[in-house]
PDB file of N, CA and C in Angstrom:
ATOM      1  N   MET A   1       9.786 -12.152   6.389  1.00  0.00           N
ATOM      2  CA  MET A   1       9.032 -10.922   6.201  1.00  0.00           C
ATOM      3  C   MET A   1       8.121 -11.094   4.988  1.00  0.00           C
ATOM      4  N   THR A   2       6.830 -10.789   5.169  1.00  0.00           N
ATOM      5  CA  THR A   2       5.849 -10.887   4.102  1.00  0.00           C
ATOM      6  C   THR A   2       5.302  -9.496   3.807  1.00  0.00           C
ATOM      7  N   VAL A   3       6.074  -8.699   3.102  1.00  0.00           N
ATOM      8  CA  VAL A   3       5.661  -7.330   2.811  1.00  0.00           C
ATOM      9  C   VAL A   3       4.670  -7.349   1.659  1.00  0.00           C
ATOM     10  N   LYS A   4       3.549  -6.699   1.890  1.00  0.00           N
ATOM     11  CA  LYS A   4       2.474  -6.585   0.907  1.00  0.00           C
ATOM     12  C   LYS A   4       1.976  -5.150   0.900  1.00  0.00           C
ATOM     13  N   ILE A   5       1.228  -4.825  -0.133  1.00  0.00           N
ATOM     14  CA  ILE A   5       0.510  -3.555  -0.166  1.00  0.00           C
ATOM     15  C   ILE A   5      -0.961  -3.887   0.023  1.00  0.00           C
ATOM     16  N   VAL A   6      -1.606  -3.135   0.889  1.00  0.00           N
ATOM     17  CA  VAL A   6      -3.014  -3.336   1.202  1.00  0.00           C
ATOM     18  C   VAL A   6      -3.777  -2.102   0.733  1.00  0.00           C
ATOM     19  N   ARG A   7      -4.810  -2.312  -0.078  1.00  0.00           N
ATOM     20  CA  ARG A   7      -5.712  -1.221  -0.448  1.00  0.00           C
ATOM     21  C   ARG A   7      -6.863  -1.275   0.532  1.00  0.00           C
ATOM     22  N   LEU A   8      -7.046  -0.186   1.270  1.00  0.00           N
ATOM     23  CA  LEU A   8      -8.107  -0.119   2.264  1.00  0.00           C
ATOM     24  C   LEU A   8      -9.391   0.416   1.643  1.00  0.00           C
ATOM     25  N   ILE A   9     -10.476   0.211   2.322  1.00  0.00           N
ATOM     26  CA  ILE A   9     -11.784   0.620   1.823  1.00  0.00           C
ATOM     27  C   ILE A   9     -11.859   2.134   1.599  1.00  0.00           C
ATOM     28  N   ASN A  10     -11.059   2.912   2.337  1.00  0.00           N
ATOM     29  CA  ASN A  10     -11.063   4.371   2.179  1.00  0.00           C
ATOM     30  C   ASN A  10     -10.153   4.835   1.038  1.00  0.00           C
ATOM     31  N   GLY A  11      -9.520   3.884   0.312  1.00  0.00           N
ATOM     32  CA  GLY A  11      -8.687   4.238  -0.834  1.00  0.00           C
ATOM     33  C   GLY A  11      -7.203   4.350  -0.529  1.00  0.00           C
ATOM     34  N   GLU A  12      -6.830   4.282   0.741  1.00  0.00           N
ATOM     35  CA  GLU A  12      -5.414   4.356   1.109  1.00  0.00           C
ATOM     36  C   GLU A  12      -4.686   3.087   0.698  1.00  0.00           C
ATOM     37  N   ASP A  13      -3.427   3.247   0.311  1.00  0.00           N
ATOM     38  CA  ASP A  13      -2.536   2.113   0.078  1.00  0.00           C
ATOM     39  C   ASP A  13      -1.535   2.084   1.220  1.00  0.00           C
ATOM     40  N   VAL A  14      -1.430   0.942   1.882  1.00  0.00           N
ATOM     41  CA  VAL A  14      -0.524   0.782   3.016  1.00  0.00           C
ATOM     42  C   VAL A  14       0.437  -0.356   2.701  1.00  0.00           C
ATOM     43  N   ILE A  15       1.729  -0.095   2.866  1.00  0.00           N
ATOM     44  CA  ILE A  15       2.734  -1.143   2.695  1.00  0.00           C
ATOM     45  C   ILE A  15       3.216  -1.537   4.077  1.00  0.00           C
ATOM     46  N   ALA A  16       3.296  -2.847   4.315  1.00  0.00           N
ATOM     47  CA  ALA A  16       3.678  -3.328   5.643  1.00  0.00           C
ATOM     48  C   ALA A  16       3.990  -4.815   5.578  1.00  0.00           C
ATOM     49  N   ASP A  17       4.602  -5.294   6.638  1.00  0.00           N
ATOM     50  CA  ASP A  17       4.738  -6.735   6.828  1.00  0.00           C
ATOM     51  C   ASP A  17       3.383  -7.192   7.372  1.00  0.00           C
ATOM     52  N   ILE A  18       2.671  -8.010   6.592  1.00  0.00           N
ATOM     53  CA  ILE A  18       1.296  -8.380   6.911  1.00  0.00           C
ATOM     54  C   ILE A  18       1.230  -9.785   7.503  1.00  0.00           C
ATOM     55  N   LYS A  19       0.485  -9.894   8.586  1.00  0.00           N
ATOM     56  CA  LYS A  19       0.233 -11.204   9.198  1.00  0.00           C
ATOM     57  C   LYS A  19      -1.269 -11.355   9.393  1.00  0.00           C
ATOM     58  N   GLU A  20      -1.768 -12.571   9.179  1.00  0.00           N
ATOM     59  CA  GLU A  20      -3.182 -12.848   9.413  1.00  0.00           C
ATOM     60  C   GLU A  20      -3.423 -13.204  10.875  1.00  0.00           C
ATOM     61  N   VAL A  21      -4.551 -12.766  11.399  1.00  0.00           N
ATOM     62  CA  VAL A  21      -5.013 -13.184  12.720  1.00  0.00           C
ATOM     63  C   VAL A  21      -6.193 -14.117  12.458  1.00  0.00           C
ATOM     64  N   ARG A  22      -6.093 -15.333  12.979  1.00  0.00           N
ATOM     65  CA  ARG A  22      -7.146 -16.330  12.775  1.00  0.00           C
ATOM     66  C   ARG A  22      -7.787 -16.699  14.103  1.00  0.00           C
ATOM     67  N   LYS A  23      -9.007 -17.174  14.018  1.00  0.00           N
ATOM     68  CA  LYS A  23      -9.726 -17.613  15.213  1.00  0.00           C
ATOM     69  C   LYS A  23      -8.968 -18.758  15.878  1.00  0.00           C
ATOM     70  N   ASP A  24      -8.548 -19.743  15.084  1.00  0.00           N
ATOM     71  CA  ASP A  24      -7.695 -20.832  15.541  1.00  0.00           C
ATOM     72  C   ASP A  24      -7.049 -21.456  14.315  1.00  0.00           C
ATOM     73  N   GLU A  25      -6.151 -22.385  14.535  1.00  0.00           N
ATOM     74  CA  GLU A  25      -5.409 -22.990  13.427  1.00  0.00           C
ATOM     75  C   GLU A  25      -6.296 -23.747  12.453  1.00  0.00           C
ATOM     76  N   ASP A  26      -7.385 -24.322  12.931  1.00  0.00           N
ATOM     77  CA  ASP A  26      -8.232 -25.170  12.098  1.00  0.00           C
ATOM     78  C   ASP A  26      -9.311 -24.404  11.337  1.00  0.00           C
ATOM     79  N   THR A  27      -9.567 -23.156  11.716  1.00  0.00           N
ATOM     80  CA  THR A  27     -10.604 -22.363  11.066  1.00  0.00           C
ATOM     81  C   THR A  27      -9.974 -21.541   9.945  1.00  0.00           C
ATOM     82  N   PRO A  28     -10.446 -21.761   8.703  1.00  0.00           N
ATOM     83  CA  PRO A  28      -9.865 -20.998   7.587  1.00  0.00           C
ATOM     84  C   PRO A  28     -10.328 -19.541   7.593  1.00  0.00           C
ATOM     85  N   GLY A  29      -9.510 -18.698   7.019  1.00  0.00           N
ATOM     86  CA  GLY A  29      -9.866 -17.287   6.871  1.00  0.00           C
ATOM     87  C   GLY A  29      -9.414 -16.425   8.031  1.00  0.00           C
ATOM     88  N   ALA A  30      -8.982 -15.236   7.679  1.00  0.00           N
ATOM     89  CA  ALA A  30      -8.514 -14.278   8.681  1.00  0.00           C
ATOM     90  C   ALA A  30      -9.689 -13.550   9.328  1.00  0.00           C
ATOM     91  N   VAL A  31      -9.541 -13.192  10.594  1.00  0.00           N
ATOM     92  CA  VAL A  31     -10.517 -12.339  11.269  1.00  0.00           C
ATOM     93  C   VAL A  31      -9.996 -10.907  11.352  1.00  0.00           C
ATOM     94  N   ALA A  32      -8.676 -10.755  11.155  1.00  0.00           N
ATOM     95  CA  ALA A  32      -8.038  -9.434  11.155  1.00  0.00           C
ATOM     96  C   ALA A  32      -6.643  -9.593  10.559  1.00  0.00           C
ATOM     97  N   TYR A  33      -5.993  -8.456  10.346  1.00  0.00           N
ATOM     98  CA  TYR A  33      -4.609  -8.439   9.873  1.00  0.00           C
ATOM     99  C   TYR A  33      -3.780  -7.572  10.802  1.00  0.00           C
ATOM    100  N   VAL A  34      -2.536  -7.963  10.999  1.00  0.00           N
ATOM    101  CA  VAL A  34      -1.590  -7.140  11.741  1.00  0.00           C
ATOM    102  C   VAL A  34      -0.647  -6.518  10.712  1.00  0.00           C
ATOM    103  N   PHE A  35      -0.542  -5.192  10.737  1.00  0.00           N
ATOM    104  CA  PHE A  35       0.378  -4.465   9.872  1.00  0.00           C
ATOM    105  C   PHE A  35       1.586  -4.095  10.721  1.00  0.00           C
ATOM    106  N   ASP A  36       2.740  -4.677  10.403  1.00  0.00           N
ATOM    107  CA  ASP A  36       3.968  -4.372  11.123  1.00  0.00           C
ATOM    108  C   ASP A  36       4.785  -3.385  10.301  1.00  0.00           C
ATOM    109  N   LYS A  37       5.204  -2.298  10.916  1.00  0.00           N
ATOM    110  CA  LYS A  37       5.934  -1.202  10.268  1.00  0.00           C
ATOM    111  C   LYS A  37       5.159  -0.675   9.051  1.00  0.00           C
ATOM    112  N   PRO A  38       3.905  -0.258   9.258  1.00  0.00           N
ATOM    113  CA  PRO A  38       3.081   0.196   8.139  1.00  0.00           C
ATOM    114  C   PRO A  38       3.382   1.634   7.710  1.00  0.00           C
ATOM    115  N   TYR A  39       3.354   1.836   6.410  1.00  0.00           N
ATOM    116  CA  TYR A  39       3.515   3.167   5.823  1.00  0.00           C
ATOM    117  C   TYR A  39       2.445   3.358   4.758  1.00  0.00           C
ATOM    118  N   THR A  40       1.862   4.541   4.729  1.00  0.00           N
ATOM    119  CA  THR A  40       0.966   4.911   3.653  1.00  0.00           C
ATOM    120  C   THR A  40       1.824   5.247   2.445  1.00  0.00           C
ATOM    121  N   VAL A  41       1.437   4.725   1.282  1.00  0.00           N
ATOM    122  CA  VAL A  41       2.162   4.993   0.043  1.00  0.00           C
ATOM    123  C   VAL A  41       1.319   5.938  -0.793  1.00  0.00           C
ATOM    124  N   GLN A  42       1.931   7.050  -1.215  1.00  0.00           N
ATOM    125  CA  GLN A  42       1.218   7.995  -2.066  1.00  0.00           C
ATOM    126  C   GLN A  42       2.033   8.256  -3.322  1.00  0.00           C
ATOM    127  N   ILE A  43       1.335   8.340  -4.440  1.00  0.00           N
ATOM    128  CA  ILE A  43       1.967   8.728  -5.697  1.00  0.00           C
ATOM    129  C   ILE A  43       1.840  10.239  -5.788  1.00  0.00           C
ATOM    130  N   ILE A  44       2.969  10.912  -5.861  1.00  0.00           N
ATOM    131  CA  ILE A  44       2.987  12.371  -5.922  1.00  0.00           C
ATOM    132  C   ILE A  44       3.005  12.790  -7.394  1.00  0.00           C
ATOM    133  N   GLU A  45       2.036  13.586  -7.756  1.00  0.00           N
ATOM    134  CA  GLU A  45       1.952  14.073  -9.131  1.00  0.00           C
ATOM    135  C   GLU A  45       2.914  15.240  -9.313  1.00  0.00           C
ATOM    136  N   ASN A  46       3.538  15.294 -10.463  1.00  0.00           N
ATOM    137  CA  ASN A  46       4.422  16.405 -10.795  1.00  0.00           C
ATOM    138  C   ASN A  46       3.546  17.557 -11.264  1.00  0.00           C
ATOM    139  N   THR A  47       3.431  18.591 -10.435  1.00  0.00           N
ATOM    140  CA  THR A  47       2.541  19.704 -10.752  1.00  0.00           C
ATOM    141  C   THR A  47       3.225  20.774 -11.593  1.00  0.00           C
ATOM    142  N   THR A  48       4.508  20.608 -11.895  1.00  0.00           N
ATOM    143  CA  THR A  48       5.195  21.624 -12.696  1.00  0.00           C
ATOM    144  C   THR A  48       4.985  21.396 -14.186  1.00  0.00           C
ATOM    145  N   GLU A  49       4.498  20.232 -14.580  1.00  0.00           N
ATOM    146  CA  GLU A  49       4.253  19.959 -15.992  1.00  0.00           C
ATOM    147  C   GLU A  49       2.871  20.457 -16.382  1.00  0.00           C
ATOM    148  N   MET A  50       2.766  20.950 -17.605  1.00  0.00           N
ATOM    149  CA  MET A  50       1.466  21.335 -18.126  1.00  0.00           C
ATOM    150  C   MET A  50       0.900  20.151 -18.887  1.00  0.00           C
ATOM    151  N   LEU A  51      -0.370  19.897 -18.720  1.00  0.00           N
ATOM    152  CA  LEU A  51      -1.023  18.793 -19.401  1.00  0.00           C
ATOM    153  C   LEU A  51      -1.855  19.330 -20.550  1.00  0.00           C
ATOM    154  N   PHE A  52      -1.728  18.690 -21.695  1.00  0.00           N
ATOM    155  CA  PHE A  52      -2.505  19.046 -22.859  1.00  0.00           C
ATOM    156  C   PHE A  52      -3.285  17.828 -23.312  1.00  0.00           C
ATOM    157  N   GLU A  53      -4.485  18.065 -23.776  1.00  0.00           N
ATOM    158  CA  GLU A  53      -5.284  16.953 -24.263  1.00  0.00           C
ATOM    159  C   GLU A  53      -4.670  16.432 -25.555  1.00  0.00           C
ATOM    160  N   ALA A  54      -4.521  15.126 -25.628  1.00  0.00           N
ATOM    161  CA  ALA A  54      -3.925  14.507 -26.808  1.00  0.00           C
ATOM    162  C   ALA A  54      -4.758  13.304 -27.207  1.00  0.00           C
ATOM    163  N   PRO A  55      -4.675  12.917 -28.472  1.00  0.00           N
ATOM    164  CA  PRO A  55      -5.389  11.708 -28.883  1.00  0.00           C
ATOM    165  C   PRO A  55      -4.933  10.503 -28.073  1.00  0.00           C
ATOM    166  N   ALA A  56      -5.819   9.549 -27.885  1.00  0.00           N
ATOM    167  CA  ALA A  56      -5.518   8.371 -27.067  1.00  0.00           C
ATOM    168  C   ALA A  56      -4.303   7.616 -27.566  1.00  0.00           C
ATOM    169  N   ALA A  57      -4.042   7.633 -28.872  1.00  0.00           N
ATOM    170  CA  ALA A  57      -2.901   6.900 -29.435  1.00  0.00           C
ATOM    171  C   ALA A  57      -1.572   7.501 -28.991  1.00  0.00           C
ATOM    172  N   ASP A  58      -1.584   8.784 -28.630  1.00  0.00           N
ATOM    173  CA  ASP A  58      -0.338   9.456 -28.231  1.00  0.00           C
ATOM    174  C   ASP A  58      -0.002   9.277 -26.756  1.00  0.00           C
ATOM    175  N   THR A  59      -0.935   8.791 -25.981  1.00  0.00           N
ATOM    176  CA  THR A  59      -0.692   8.671 -24.545  1.00  0.00           C
ATOM    177  C   THR A  59       0.047   7.376 -24.240  1.00  0.00           C
ATOM    178  N   GLN A  60       0.989   7.467 -23.343  1.00  0.00           N
ATOM    179  CA  GLN A  60       1.776   6.317 -22.914  1.00  0.00           C
ATOM    180  C   GLN A  60       1.496   6.069 -21.439  1.00  0.00           C
ATOM    181  N   PRO A  61       1.318   4.823 -21.040  1.00  0.00           N
ATOM    182  CA  PRO A  61       1.128   4.565 -19.602  1.00  0.00           C
ATOM    183  C   PRO A  61       2.411   4.890 -18.838  1.00  0.00           C
ATOM    184  N   LYS A  62       2.240   5.349 -17.610  1.00  0.00           N
ATOM    185  CA  LYS A  62       3.414   5.648 -16.785  1.00  0.00           C
ATOM    186  C   LYS A  62       4.096   4.362 -16.372  1.00  0.00           C
ATOM    187  N   LYS A  63       5.411   4.409 -16.314  1.00  0.00           N
ATOM    188  CA  LYS A  63       6.191   3.268 -15.857  1.00  0.00           C
ATOM    189  C   LYS A  63       6.520   3.483 -14.387  1.00  0.00           C
ATOM    190  N   ILE A  64       6.789   2.393 -13.694  1.00  0.00           N
ATOM    191  CA  ILE A  64       7.065   2.478 -12.258  1.00  0.00           C
ATOM    192  C   ILE A  64       8.263   3.380 -11.972  1.00  0.00           C
ATOM    193  N   ASN A  65       9.227   3.444 -12.879  1.00  0.00           N
ATOM    194  CA  ASN A  65      10.407   4.303 -12.694  1.00  0.00           C
ATOM    195  C   ASN A  65      10.042   5.783 -12.766  1.00  0.00           C
ATOM    196  N   ASP A  66       8.915   6.113 -13.430  1.00  0.00           N
ATOM    197  CA  ASP A  66       8.506   7.501 -13.603  1.00  0.00           C
ATOM    198  C   ASP A  66       7.713   8.030 -12.408  1.00  0.00           C
ATOM    199  N   LEU A  67       7.311   7.158 -11.504  1.00  0.00           N
ATOM    200  CA  LEU A  67       6.459   7.569 -10.396  1.00  0.00           C
ATOM    201  C   LEU A  67       7.289   8.076  -9.221  1.00  0.00           C
ATOM    202  N   ASP A  68       6.827   9.165  -8.639  1.00  0.00           N
ATOM    203  CA  ASP A  68       7.443   9.701  -7.431  1.00  0.00           C
ATOM    204  C   ASP A  68       6.603   9.227  -6.247  1.00  0.00           C
ATOM    205  N   LEU A  69       7.144   8.287  -5.483  1.00  0.00           N
ATOM    206  CA  LEU A  69       6.419   7.719  -4.351  1.00  0.00           C
ATOM    207  C   LEU A  69       6.874   8.365  -3.056  1.00  0.00           C
ATOM    208  N   LYS A  70       5.930   8.616  -2.179  1.00  0.00           N
ATOM    209  CA  LYS A  70       6.219   9.134  -0.847  1.00  0.00           C
ATOM    210  C   LYS A  70       5.638   8.161   0.169  1.00  0.00           C
ATOM    211  N   PHE A  71       6.393   7.931   1.232  1.00  0.00           N
ATOM    212  CA  PHE A  71       5.970   7.036   2.304  1.00  0.00           C
ATOM    213  C   PHE A  71       5.781   7.861   3.573  1.00  0.00           C
ATOM    214  N   TYR A  72       4.631   7.672   4.203  1.00  0.00           N
ATOM    215  CA  TYR A  72       4.324   8.360   5.450  1.00  0.00           C
ATOM    216  C   TYR A  72       3.949   7.313   6.493  1.00  0.00           C
ATOM    217  N   PRO A  73       4.376   7.468   7.736  1.00  0.00           N
ATOM    218  CA  PRO A  73       3.967   6.507   8.769  1.00  0.00           C
ATOM    219  C   PRO A  73       2.438   6.410   8.798  1.00  0.00           C
ATOM    220  N   TYR A  74       1.938   5.189   8.809  1.00  0.00           N
ATOM    221  CA  TYR A  74       0.495   4.971   8.798  1.00  0.00           C
ATOM    222  C   TYR A  74      -0.155   5.411  10.106  1.00  0.00           C
ATOM    223  N   VAL A  75       0.489   5.145  11.213  1.00  0.00           N
ATOM    224  CA  VAL A  75      -0.032   5.558  12.519  1.00  0.00           C
ATOM    225  C   VAL A  75       1.077   6.320  13.260  1.00  0.00           C
ATOM    226  N   PRO A  76       1.329   7.555  12.862  1.00  0.00           N
ATOM    227  CA  PRO A  76       2.477   8.290  13.406  1.00  0.00           C
ATOM    228  C   PRO A  76       2.399   8.573  14.898  1.00  0.00           C
ATOM    229  N   LEU A  77       1.223   8.543  15.488  1.00  0.00           N
ATOM    230  CA  LEU A  77       1.089   8.861  16.909  1.00  0.00           C
ATOM    231  C   LEU A  77       1.070   7.628  17.795  1.00  0.00           C
ATOM    232  N   SER A  78       1.210   6.451  17.196  1.00  0.00           N
ATOM    233  CA  SER A  78       1.182   5.216  17.967  1.00  0.00           C
ATOM    234  C   SER A  78       2.518   4.959  18.644  1.00  0.00           C
ATOM    235  N   VAL A  79       2.467   4.355  19.811  1.00  0.00           N
ATOM    236  CA  VAL A  79       3.677   3.982  20.534  1.00  0.00           C
ATOM    237  C   VAL A  79       4.256   2.679  19.961  1.00  0.00           C
ATOM    238  N   ARG A  80       3.442   1.933  19.255  1.00  0.00           N
ATOM    239  CA  ARG A  80       3.875   0.640  18.700  1.00  0.00           C
ATOM    240  C   ARG A  80       4.162   0.752  17.205  1.00  0.00           C
ATOM    241  N   ASP A  81       4.924  -0.236  16.708  1.00  0.00           N
ATOM    242  CA  ASP A  81       5.244  -0.301  15.286  1.00  0.00           C
ATOM    243  C   ASP A  81       4.267  -1.179  14.511  1.00  0.00           C
ATOM    244  N   SER A  82       3.172  -1.584  15.146  1.00  0.00           N
ATOM    245  CA  SER A  82       2.206  -2.417  14.449  1.00  0.00           C
ATOM    246  C   SER A  82       0.789  -2.028  14.855  1.00  0.00           C
ATOM    247  N   VAL A  83      -0.159  -2.327  13.955  1.00  0.00           N
ATOM    248  CA  VAL A  83      -1.575  -2.065  14.214  1.00  0.00           C
ATOM    249  C   VAL A  83      -2.380  -3.248  13.712  1.00  0.00           C
ATOM    250  N   VAL A  84      -3.581  -3.384  14.244  1.00  0.00           N
ATOM    251  CA  VAL A  84      -4.503  -4.432  13.820  1.00  0.00           C
ATOM    252  C   VAL A  84      -5.574  -3.776  12.948  1.00  0.00           C
ATOM    253  N   CYS A  85      -5.860  -4.419  11.815  1.00  0.00           N
ATOM    254  CA  CYS A  85      -6.866  -3.918  10.883  1.00  0.00           C
ATOM    255  C   CYS A  85      -7.917  -4.995  10.672  1.00  0.00           C
ATOM    256  N   SER A  86      -9.183  -4.639  10.785  1.00  0.00           N
ATOM    257  CA  SER A  86     -10.246  -5.629  10.594  1.00  0.00           C
ATOM    258  C   SER A  86     -10.384  -5.981   9.111  1.00  0.00           C
ATOM    259  N   VAL A  87     -10.781  -7.197   8.845  1.00  0.00           N
ATOM    260  CA  VAL A  87     -10.909  -7.706   7.474  1.00  0.00           C
ATOM    261  C   VAL A  87     -11.849  -6.854   6.611  1.00  0.00           C
ATOM    262  N   PRO A  88     -13.005  -6.390   7.119  1.00  0.00           N
ATOM    263  CA  PRO A  88     -13.897  -5.601   6.255  1.00  0.00           C
ATOM    264  C   PRO A  88     -13.283  -4.298   5.730  1.00  0.00           C
ATOM    265  N   ASN A  89     -12.224  -3.812   6.356  1.00  0.00           N
ATOM    266  CA  ASN A  89     -11.569  -2.585   5.883  1.00  0.00           C
ATOM    267  C   ASN A  89     -10.591  -2.821   4.742  1.00  0.00           C
ATOM    268  N   VAL A  90     -10.299  -4.076   4.437  1.00  0.00           N
ATOM    269  CA  VAL A  90      -9.323  -4.421   3.403  1.00  0.00           C
ATOM    270  C   VAL A  90     -10.052  -4.782   2.117  1.00  0.00           C
ATOM    271  N   VAL A  91      -9.692  -4.105   1.034  1.00  0.00           N
ATOM    272  CA  VAL A  91     -10.283  -4.364  -0.269  1.00  0.00           C
ATOM    273  C   VAL A  91      -9.411  -5.320  -1.069  1.00  0.00           C
ATOM    274  N   LEU A  92      -8.079  -5.137  -0.969  1.00  0.00           N
ATOM    275  CA  LEU A  92      -7.154  -5.858  -1.832  1.00  0.00           C
ATOM    276  C   LEU A  92      -5.802  -5.965  -1.143  1.00  0.00           C
ATOM    277  N   ILE A  93      -5.139  -7.098  -1.300  1.00  0.00           N
ATOM    278  CA  ILE A  93      -3.774  -7.287  -0.814  1.00  0.00           C
ATOM    279  C   ILE A  93      -2.954  -7.807  -1.990  1.00  0.00           C
ATOM    280  N   TYR A  94      -1.803  -7.158  -2.253  1.00  0.00           N
ATOM    281  CA  TYR A  94      -0.989  -7.596  -3.383  1.00  0.00           C
ATOM    282  C   TYR A  94       0.493  -7.393  -3.107  1.00  0.00           C
ATOM    283  N   ASP A  95       1.314  -8.070  -3.918  1.00  0.00           N
ATOM    284  CA  ASP A  95       2.767  -7.959  -3.797  1.00  0.00           C
ATOM    285  C   ASP A  95       3.238  -6.648  -4.414  1.00  0.00           C
ATOM    286  N   PRO A  96       4.106  -5.936  -3.723  1.00  0.00           N
ATOM    287  CA  PRO A  96       4.627  -4.691  -4.290  1.00  0.00           C
ATOM    288  C   PRO A  96       5.653  -4.957  -5.393  1.00  0.00           C
ATOM    289  N   HIS A  97       5.744  -4.027  -6.308  1.00  0.00           N
ATOM    290  CA  HIS A  97       6.755  -4.062  -7.358  1.00  0.00           C
ATOM    291  C   HIS A  97       8.135  -4.008  -6.689  1.00  0.00           C
ATOM    292  N   PRO A  98       9.154  -4.689  -7.232  1.00  0.00           N
ATOM    293  CA  PRO A  98      10.491  -4.680  -6.617  1.00  0.00           C
ATOM    294  C   PRO A  98      11.053  -3.269  -6.390  1.00  0.00           C
ATOM    295  N   LYS A  99      10.759  -2.327  -7.267  1.00  0.00           N
ATOM    296  CA  LYS A  99      11.248  -0.948  -7.078  1.00  0.00           C
ATOM    297  C   LYS A  99      10.554  -0.278  -5.888  1.00  0.00           C
ATOM    298  N   VAL A 100       9.301  -0.614  -5.663  1.00  0.00           N
ATOM    299  CA  VAL A 100       8.587  -0.084  -4.489  1.00  0.00           C
ATOM    300  C   VAL A 100       9.184  -0.699  -3.226  1.00  0.00           C
ATOM    301  N   MET A 101       9.489  -2.002  -3.282  1.00  0.00           N
ATOM    302  CA  MET A 101      10.123  -2.679  -2.134  1.00  0.00           C
ATOM    303  C   MET A 101      11.461  -2.031  -1.781  1.00  0.00           C
ATOM    304  N   ASP A 102      12.245  -1.688  -2.798  1.00  0.00           N
ATOM    305  CA  ASP A 102      13.536  -1.033  -2.559  1.00  0.00           C
ATOM    306  C   ASP A 102      13.350   0.281  -1.820  1.00  0.00           C
ATOM    307  N   LYS A 103      12.348   1.060  -2.238  1.00  0.00           N
ATOM    308  CA  LYS A 103      12.089   2.343  -1.585  1.00  0.00           C
ATOM    309  C   LYS A 103      11.575   2.152  -0.157  1.00  0.00           C
ATOM    310  N   TYR A 104      10.763   1.117   0.049  1.00  0.00           N
ATOM    311  CA  TYR A 104      10.229   0.839   1.383  1.00  0.00           C
ATOM    312  C   TYR A 104      11.342   0.457   2.351  1.00  0.00           C
ATOM    313  N   ARG A 105      12.243  -0.367   1.881  1.00  0.00           N
ATOM    314  CA  ARG A 105      13.349  -0.809   2.742  1.00  0.00           C
ATOM    315  C   ARG A 105      14.259   0.354   3.068  1.00  0.00           C
TER     316      ARG A 105
END
């Protein structure tokens, strides 16, 4: 299983088992990607907290443990568990943080 997170051109983040589709074995580069068991990943903001402007020195970056992640089926109306995505729609592919992988599994 090669689970990756894909940032799409529309800004969505999709986590899935990613496979490349190639023209043939000898031609380098993918022509498309297959997303197996894809889920959209969203960071849910805590709206119950009040935000106050503070000096830049007082701000701390959020840690992965502090994020509330929600997973939604990427293609909920599909009969299949996989979809094909064309290469031009993909901006970035990266390895998910181990805590994100735990939530995905």
